[in-house]
Protein backbone atom coordinates (compact mmCIF):
# COMPACT_ATOMS: atom_id res chain seq x y z
CA MET A 1 -74.61 52.13 60.41
CA THR A 2 -71.66 49.93 59.58
CA LEU A 3 -69.88 49.43 56.28
CA GLY A 4 -71.56 46.04 55.90
CA ASN A 5 -75.00 47.53 56.54
CA ALA A 6 -74.38 50.25 53.95
CA ILE A 7 -73.32 47.68 51.35
CA LYS A 8 -76.39 45.55 52.02
CA LEU A 9 -78.70 48.59 51.92
CA ILE A 10 -77.37 49.75 48.56
CA ARG A 11 -77.32 46.22 47.12
CA THR A 12 -80.89 45.47 48.14
CA ALA A 13 -82.09 48.90 46.97
CA ARG A 14 -80.78 47.90 43.54
CA ASN A 15 -82.55 44.52 43.74
CA LEU A 16 -79.27 42.63 43.49
CA THR A 17 -78.50 39.40 45.31
CA GLN A 18 -75.23 38.59 47.01
CA ARG A 19 -74.79 35.89 44.38
CA ASP A 20 -75.23 38.44 41.54
CA ILE A 21 -72.56 40.75 42.90
CA ALA A 22 -70.22 37.98 44.02
CA LYS A 23 -70.24 36.40 40.56
CA LYS A 24 -69.36 39.70 38.90
CA LEU A 25 -66.57 40.34 41.42
CA LYS A 26 -65.28 36.74 41.22
CA VAL A 27 -65.69 36.10 44.94
CA SER A 28 -68.01 33.75 46.80
CA ALA A 29 -71.43 34.85 47.96
CA ASN A 30 -70.31 33.67 51.40
CA TYR A 31 -67.45 36.18 51.37
CA LEU A 32 -69.84 38.99 50.49
CA SER A 33 -72.14 37.82 53.27
CA LEU A 34 -69.25 37.99 55.74
CA ILE A 35 -68.49 41.56 54.61
CA GLU A 36 -72.15 42.59 54.95
CA SER A 37 -72.26 41.11 58.46
CA ASP A 38 -69.02 42.97 59.34
CA LYS A 39 -67.10 39.74 59.92
CA ARG A 40 -64.53 40.55 57.22
CA ASP A 41 -62.76 43.78 56.39
CA PRO A 42 -62.43 44.11 52.63
CA SER A 43 -59.54 45.86 50.98
CA LEU A 44 -59.95 49.32 49.50
CA ALA A 45 -59.35 47.82 46.05
CA PHE A 46 -62.23 45.41 46.60
CA LEU A 47 -64.48 48.22 47.86
CA ASN A 48 -63.68 50.22 44.70
CA ARG A 49 -64.75 47.27 42.54
CA LEU A 50 -67.84 46.67 44.68
CA ALA A 51 -68.92 50.30 44.55
CA ALA A 52 -68.52 50.26 40.75
CA GLU A 53 -70.73 47.15 40.51
CA LEU A 54 -73.31 48.78 42.77
CA GLY A 55 -73.17 51.92 40.64
CA VAL A 56 -72.27 54.28 43.47
CA PRO A 57 -69.22 56.33 44.39
CA ILE A 58 -67.11 54.54 46.99
CA ALA A 59 -67.82 57.42 49.41
CA MET A 60 -71.45 56.30 49.53
CA LEU A 61 -70.30 53.19 51.40
CA PHE A 62 -68.81 55.32 54.17
CA VAL A 63 -71.19 58.27 54.43
CA PHE A 64 -73.28 56.55 57.10
CA GLN A 65 -70.39 55.69 59.38
CA GLY A 66 -68.85 57.44 62.30
CA GLU A 67 -69.42 60.65 64.13
CA PRO A 68 -69.52 64.07 62.52
CA LEU A 69 -66.46 66.25 62.30
CA PRO A 70 -65.97 68.91 64.97
CA GLY A 71 -68.44 71.74 64.45
CA VAL A 72 -70.94 69.57 62.55
CA GLN A 73 -74.19 68.86 64.34
CA VAL A 74 -75.42 65.26 64.45
CA SER A 75 -78.84 66.44 63.31
CA ASP A 76 -77.28 68.09 60.23
CA LEU A 77 -75.33 64.93 59.42
CA ASN A 78 -78.50 62.85 59.73
CA LYS A 79 -80.32 65.24 57.38
CA LEU A 80 -77.52 64.83 54.85
CA ARG A 81 -77.64 61.06 55.16
CA GLU A 82 -81.41 61.07 54.65
CA MET A 83 -81.07 63.33 51.62
CA LEU A 84 -78.46 61.00 50.09
CA LEU A 85 -80.78 58.04 50.59
CA ARG A 86 -83.61 59.88 48.84
CA ILE A 87 -81.33 60.85 45.95
CA ASP A 88 -80.11 57.29 45.64
CA HIS A 89 -83.70 56.02 45.63
CA MET A 90 -84.66 58.49 42.90
CA VAL A 91 -81.67 57.47 40.75
CA VAL A 92 -82.57 53.80 41.12
CA GLU A 93 -86.19 54.45 40.17
CA ASN A 94 -85.14 56.55 37.17
CA THR A 95 -82.69 53.88 36.04
CA GLU A 96 -85.36 51.18 36.30
CA ARG A 97 -87.84 53.27 34.28
CA SER A 98 -85.23 53.95 31.59
CA SER A 99 -84.28 50.30 31.23
CA GLY A 100 -87.84 48.95 31.53
């Protein structure tokens, strides 16, 4: 999974549109679309702001990328990624129940 895919996954899991996030970050929805399609490489400062708007630690944007470190099995890394997705889903559901 790429950085753009991770951003889109988290954004859509939170039922946010590109326009919603772009407006809050004072960028165009087109720019956010380019990031999500991996056609632009955002700065770390922008990613920090984006992660804050999405309500996730910035590390969540990168956890799905790359190969595991030496000594880490791919299957273990995939289990961790799946667990993080489930936790994220539970947090979103809990947040929606609390605010609804």
